[in-house]
Amino acid sequence: MRVLFLSCLLLPLVVGCVTVEDSDTLYGAYSDYVSVADRNNIIEVADDFFSRNLLGEGYQSNPDAADQLLFKNTMSNTHSHFESIENDVGCLIINGTNSEEEPVVFSLKYSAGSAGWLIDGIHVGFVEAASDYPQTASCPADYFG
């Protein structure tokens, strides 16, 4: 009985540590964005997830900003992801499908900010089949030469 009681006390600490560690990854930062950002709050929380470089000036008054910042809605299911980090820049590939089960690929560039990783570049692409999904991390610039 004592072991069960101690396990119940320690479990939240262990789970909490795993969660904190995951938010240090690029995919963890992306997952935070997916779980928090929605049509009702994207303009207010944009600074928490996107770099000032990506947002630009006056994004709050841009009527298309919400749709662009909610690029996550293009993907309905995530199948795999790959990331790489070098110094204060990271690249993340997320492979998944849209609502019609068509293969979608997000390529995201992240930059390290004082509050954590911020999205600094976005490329949303479609591939013919899941067998065409990238199997390594790459940044949006890799698609544009």
C-alpha atoms as a PDB file:
ATOM      1  CA  MET A   1       0.000   0.000   0.000  1.00  0.00           C
ATOM      2  CA  ARG A   2       2.861   2.373   0.840  1.00  0.00           C
ATOM      3  CA  VAL A   3       4.463   1.792  -2.593  1.00  0.00           C
ATOM      4  CA  LEU A   4       1.181   2.583  -4.352  1.00  0.00           C
ATOM      5  CA  PHE A   5       0.773   5.777  -2.328  1.00  0.00           C
ATOM      6  CA  LEU A   6       4.336   6.931  -3.124  1.00  0.00           C
ATOM      7  CA  SER A   7       3.801   6.124  -6.799  1.00  0.00           C
ATOM      8  CA  CYS A   8       0.693   8.281  -6.839  1.00  0.00           C
ATOM      9  CA  LEU A   9       2.627  11.154  -5.282  1.00  0.00           C
ATOM     10  CA  LEU A  10       5.605  10.871  -7.649  1.00  0.00           C
ATOM     11  CA  LEU A  11       3.659  10.331 -10.876  1.00  0.00           C
ATOM     12  CA  PRO A  12       2.668  14.010 -11.347  1.00  0.00           C
ATOM     13  CA  LEU A  13       6.311  15.040 -10.867  1.00  0.00           C
ATOM     14  CA  VAL A  14       7.546  12.579 -13.462  1.00  0.00           C
ATOM     15  CA  VAL A  15       4.820  13.537 -15.935  1.00  0.00           C
ATOM     16  CA  GLY A  16       5.548  17.212 -15.300  1.00  0.00           C
ATOM     17  CA  CYS A  17       9.229  16.704 -16.056  1.00  0.00           C
ATOM     18  CA  VAL A  18       8.457  14.956 -19.313  1.00  0.00           C
ATOM     19  CA  THR A  19       6.148  17.778 -20.362  1.00  0.00           C
ATOM     20  CA  VAL A  20       8.710  20.468 -19.563  1.00  0.00           C
ATOM     21  CA  GLU A  21      11.416  18.606 -21.453  1.00  0.00           C
ATOM     22  CA  ASP A  22       9.161  18.191 -24.517  1.00  0.00           C
ATOM     23  CA  SER A  23       8.480  21.934 -24.719  1.00  0.00           C
ATOM     24  CA  ASP A  24      12.232  22.435 -25.224  1.00  0.00           C
ATOM     25  CA  THR A  25      11.982  20.692 -28.606  1.00  0.00           C
ATOM     26  CA  LEU A  26      10.805  22.342 -31.795  1.00  0.00           C
ATOM     27  CA  TYR A  27       7.951  19.868 -32.063  1.00  0.00           C
ATOM     28  CA  GLY A  28       7.033  20.687 -28.466  1.00  0.00           C
ATOM     29  CA  ALA A  29       6.876  24.388 -29.362  1.00  0.00           C
ATOM     30  CA  TYR A  30       4.750  23.533 -32.412  1.00  0.00           C
ATOM     31  CA  SER A  31       2.445  21.380 -30.261  1.00  0.00           C
ATOM     32  CA  ASP A  32       1.991  24.296 -27.843  1.00  0.00           C
ATOM     33  CA  TYR A  33       0.976  26.510 -30.780  1.00  0.00           C
ATOM     34  CA  VAL A  34      -1.482  23.866 -32.037  1.00  0.00           C
ATOM     35  CA  SER A  35      -3.113  23.475 -28.632  1.00  0.00           C
ATOM     36  CA  VAL A  36      -3.375  27.200 -27.801  1.00  0.00           C
ATOM     37  CA  ALA A  37      -3.923  29.147 -31.022  1.00  0.00           C
ATOM     38  CA  ASP A  38      -7.374  29.379 -32.575  1.00  0.00           C
ATOM     39  CA  ARG A  39      -9.458  31.823 -34.590  1.00  0.00           C
ATOM     40  CA  ASN A  40     -10.569  33.652 -31.436  1.00  0.00           C
ATOM     41  CA  ASN A  41      -7.109  34.369 -30.034  1.00  0.00           C
ATOM     42  CA  ILE A  42      -4.461  34.050 -32.761  1.00  0.00           C
ATOM     43  CA  ILE A  43      -3.755  37.781 -33.040  1.00  0.00           C
ATOM     44  CA  GLU A  44      -3.396  38.111 -29.256  1.00  0.00           C
ATOM     45  CA  VAL A  45      -1.089  35.081 -28.861  1.00  0.00           C
ATOM     46  CA  ALA A  46       0.910  35.494 -32.088  1.00  0.00           C
ATOM     47  CA  ASP A  47       3.914  37.001 -30.240  1.00  0.00           C
ATOM     48  CA  ASP A  48       4.138  33.801 -28.152  1.00  0.00           C
ATOM     49  CA  PHE A  49       4.642  31.593 -31.226  1.00  0.00           C
ATOM     50  CA  PHE A  50       5.948  33.704 -34.119  1.00  0.00           C
ATOM     51  CA  SER A  51       9.061  35.852 -34.447  1.00  0.00           C
ATOM     52  CA  ARG A  52       8.762  39.591 -34.920  1.00  0.00           C
ATOM     53  CA  ASN A  53      10.589  39.051 -38.236  1.00  0.00           C
ATOM     54  CA  LEU A  54       7.807  36.777 -39.504  1.00  0.00           C
ATOM     55  CA  LEU A  55       4.929  38.849 -38.119  1.00  0.00           C
ATOM     56  CA  GLY A  56       6.147  42.158 -39.495  1.00  0.00           C
ATOM     57  CA  GLU A  57       4.603  45.502 -38.655  1.00  0.00           C
ATOM     58  CA  GLY A  58       0.856  45.971 -38.402  1.00  0.00           C
ATOM     59  CA  TYR A  59      -0.123  42.312 -38.592  1.00  0.00           C
ATOM     60  CA  GLN A  60      -2.843  42.983 -36.002  1.00  0.00           C
ATOM     61  CA  SER A  61      -4.794  45.075 -38.521  1.00  0.00           C
ATOM     62  CA  ASN A  62      -4.161  42.833 -41.547  1.00  0.00           C
ATOM     63  CA  PRO A  63      -7.462  41.090 -42.405  1.00  0.00           C
ATOM     64  CA  ASP A  64      -5.588  38.049 -43.800  1.00  0.00           C
ATOM     65  CA  ALA A  65      -3.234  37.635 -40.835  1.00  0.00           C
ATOM     66  CA  ALA A  66      -5.413  35.239 -38.841  1.00  0.00           C
ATOM     67  CA  ASP A  67      -5.770  32.810 -41.754  1.00  0.00           C
ATOM     68  CA  GLN A  68      -2.036  32.919 -42.464  1.00  0.00           C
ATOM     69  CA  LEU A  69      -1.080  32.444 -38.818  1.00  0.00           C
ATOM     70  CA  LEU A  70      -3.484  29.520 -38.507  1.00  0.00           C
ATOM     71  CA  PHE A  71      -1.628  27.509 -41.170  1.00  0.00           C
ATOM     72  CA  LYS A  72      -1.879  24.598 -38.712  1.00  0.00           C
ATOM     73  CA  ASN A  73      -5.497  24.111 -39.790  1.00  0.00           C
ATOM     74  CA  THR A  74      -4.267  22.789 -43.144  1.00  0.00           C
ATOM     75  CA  MET A  75      -3.153  19.579 -41.408  1.00  0.00           C
ATOM     76  CA  SER A  76      -5.731  17.346 -39.718  1.00  0.00           C
ATOM     77  CA  ASN A  77      -3.488  14.420 -38.711  1.00  0.00           C
ATOM     78  CA  THR A  78       0.220  14.287 -37.977  1.00  0.00           C
ATOM     79  CA  HIS A  79       2.137  11.181 -39.042  1.00  0.00           C
ATOM     80  CA  SER A  80       5.805  12.002 -38.348  1.00  0.00           C
ATOM     81  CA  HIS A  81       8.184  14.842 -37.648  1.00  0.00           C
ATOM     82  CA  PHE A  82      11.916  15.510 -37.853  1.00  0.00           C
ATOM     83  CA  GLU A  83      13.902  18.358 -36.361  1.00  0.00           C
ATOM     84  CA  SER A  84      17.409  19.721 -36.259  1.00  0.00           C
ATOM     85  CA  ILE A  85      18.861  22.543 -34.218  1.00  0.00           C
ATOM     86  CA  GLU A  86      22.082  24.415 -34.828  1.00  0.00           C
ATOM     87  CA  ASN A  87      22.889  27.221 -32.404  1.00  0.00           C
ATOM     88  CA  ASP A  88      19.820  29.490 -32.288  1.00  0.00           C
ATOM     89  CA  VAL A  89      18.127  28.228 -35.487  1.00  0.00           C
ATOM     90  CA  GLY A  90      16.026  25.115 -35.839  1.00  0.00           C
ATOM     91  CA  CYS A  91      14.296  23.346 -38.707  1.00  0.00           C
ATOM     92  CA  LEU A  92      11.194  21.191 -38.290  1.00  0.00           C
ATOM     93  CA  ILE A  93       9.411  18.972 -40.807  1.00  0.00           C
ATOM     94  CA  ILE A  94       5.910  17.764 -39.964  1.00  0.00           C
ATOM     95  CA  ASN A  95       4.317  15.156 -42.211  1.00  0.00           C
ATOM     96  CA  GLY A  96       0.589  14.576 -42.100  1.00  0.00           C
ATOM     97  CA  THR A  97      -2.679  14.702 -43.973  1.00  0.00           C
ATOM     98  CA  ASN A  98      -5.394  17.273 -44.505  1.00  0.00           C
ATOM     99  CA  SER A  99      -9.110  16.716 -43.946  1.00  0.00           C
ATOM    100  CA  GLU A 100      -9.338  14.936 -47.301  1.00  0.00           C
ATOM    101  CA  GLU A 101      -6.480  12.544 -46.373  1.00  0.00           C
ATOM    102  CA  GLU A 102      -4.101  14.216 -48.841  1.00  0.00           C
ATOM    103  CA  PRO A 103      -0.428  14.237 -47.750  1.00  0.00           C
ATOM    104  CA  VAL A 104       0.716  17.615 -46.412  1.00  0.00           C
ATOM    105  CA  VAL A 105       4.193  18.726 -45.299  1.00  0.00           C
ATOM    106  CA  PHE A 106       4.993  21.684 -43.046  1.00  0.00           C
ATOM    107  CA  SER A 107       8.552  22.970 -43.118  1.00  0.00           C
ATOM    108  CA  LEU A 108       9.156  25.423 -40.298  1.00  0.00           C
ATOM    109  CA  LYS A 109      12.162  27.530 -39.406  1.00  0.00           C
ATOM    110  CA  TYR A 110      12.485  28.392 -35.730  1.00  0.00           C
ATOM    111  CA  SER A 111      14.640  30.997 -34.044  1.00  0.00           C
ATOM    112  CA  ALA A 112      15.528  31.019 -30.389  1.00  0.00           C
ATOM    113  CA  GLY A 113      13.859  33.842 -28.525  1.00  0.00           C
ATOM    114  CA  SER A 114      14.119  34.863 -24.897  1.00  0.00           C
ATOM    115  CA  ALA A 115      10.864  32.995 -24.182  1.00  0.00           C
ATOM    116  CA  GLY A 116      11.727  29.913 -26.254  1.00  0.00           C
ATOM    117  CA  TRP A 117      11.480  28.801 -29.880  1.00  0.00           C
ATOM    118  CA  LEU A 118       9.531  31.072 -32.257  1.00  0.00           C
ATOM    119  CA  ILE A 119       8.392  30.235 -35.793  1.00  0.00           C
ATOM    120  CA  ASP A 120      10.453  32.366 -38.175  1.00  0.00           C
ATOM    121  CA  GLY A 121       9.545  30.818 -41.548  1.00  0.00           C
ATOM    122  CA  ILE A 122       6.739  28.646 -42.913  1.00  0.00           C
ATOM    123  CA  HIS A 123       6.340  26.497 -46.005  1.00  0.00           C
ATOM    124  CA  VAL A 124       3.220  24.395 -46.526  1.00  0.00           C
ATOM    125  CA  GLY A 125       3.472  21.862 -49.317  1.00  0.00           C
ATOM    126  CA  PHE A 126       1.622  18.899 -50.731  1.00  0.00           C
ATOM    127  CA  VAL A 127       3.218  15.656 -51.921  1.00  0.00           C
ATOM    128  CA  GLU A 128       1.766  12.965 -54.172  1.00  0.00           C
ATOM    129  CA  ALA A 129       1.837  10.161 -51.605  1.00  0.00           C
ATOM    130  CA  ALA A 130       2.900   9.434 -48.033  1.00  0.00           C
ATOM    131  CA  SER A 131       5.914   7.605 -49.466  1.00  0.00           C
ATOM    132  CA  ASP A 132       7.122  11.046 -50.643  1.00  0.00           C
ATOM    133  CA  TYR A 133       7.223  12.521 -47.135  1.00  0.00           C
ATOM    134  CA  PRO A 134      10.621  14.019 -46.241  1.00  0.00           C
ATOM    135  CA  GLN A 135      12.549  11.883 -43.753  1.00  0.00           C
ATOM    136  CA  THR A 136      14.885  14.593 -42.470  1.00  0.00           C
ATOM    137  CA  ALA A 137      14.448  18.090 -41.087  1.00  0.00           C
ATOM    138  CA  SER A 138      14.655  21.024 -43.459  1.00  0.00           C
ATOM    139  CA  CYS A 139      13.837  24.717 -43.317  1.00  0.00           C
ATOM    140  CA  PRO A 140      11.586  26.626 -45.751  1.00  0.00           C
ATOM    141  CA  ALA A 141      14.643  28.142 -47.482  1.00  0.00           C
ATOM    142  CA  ASP A 142      15.609  24.631 -48.601  1.00  0.00           C
ATOM    143  CA  TYR A 143      12.538  24.661 -50.859  1.00  0.00           C
ATOM    144  CA  PHE A 144      13.314  27.988 -52.464  1.00  0.00           C
ATOM    145  CA  GLY A 145      17.041  27.642 -53.102  1.00  0.00           C
END
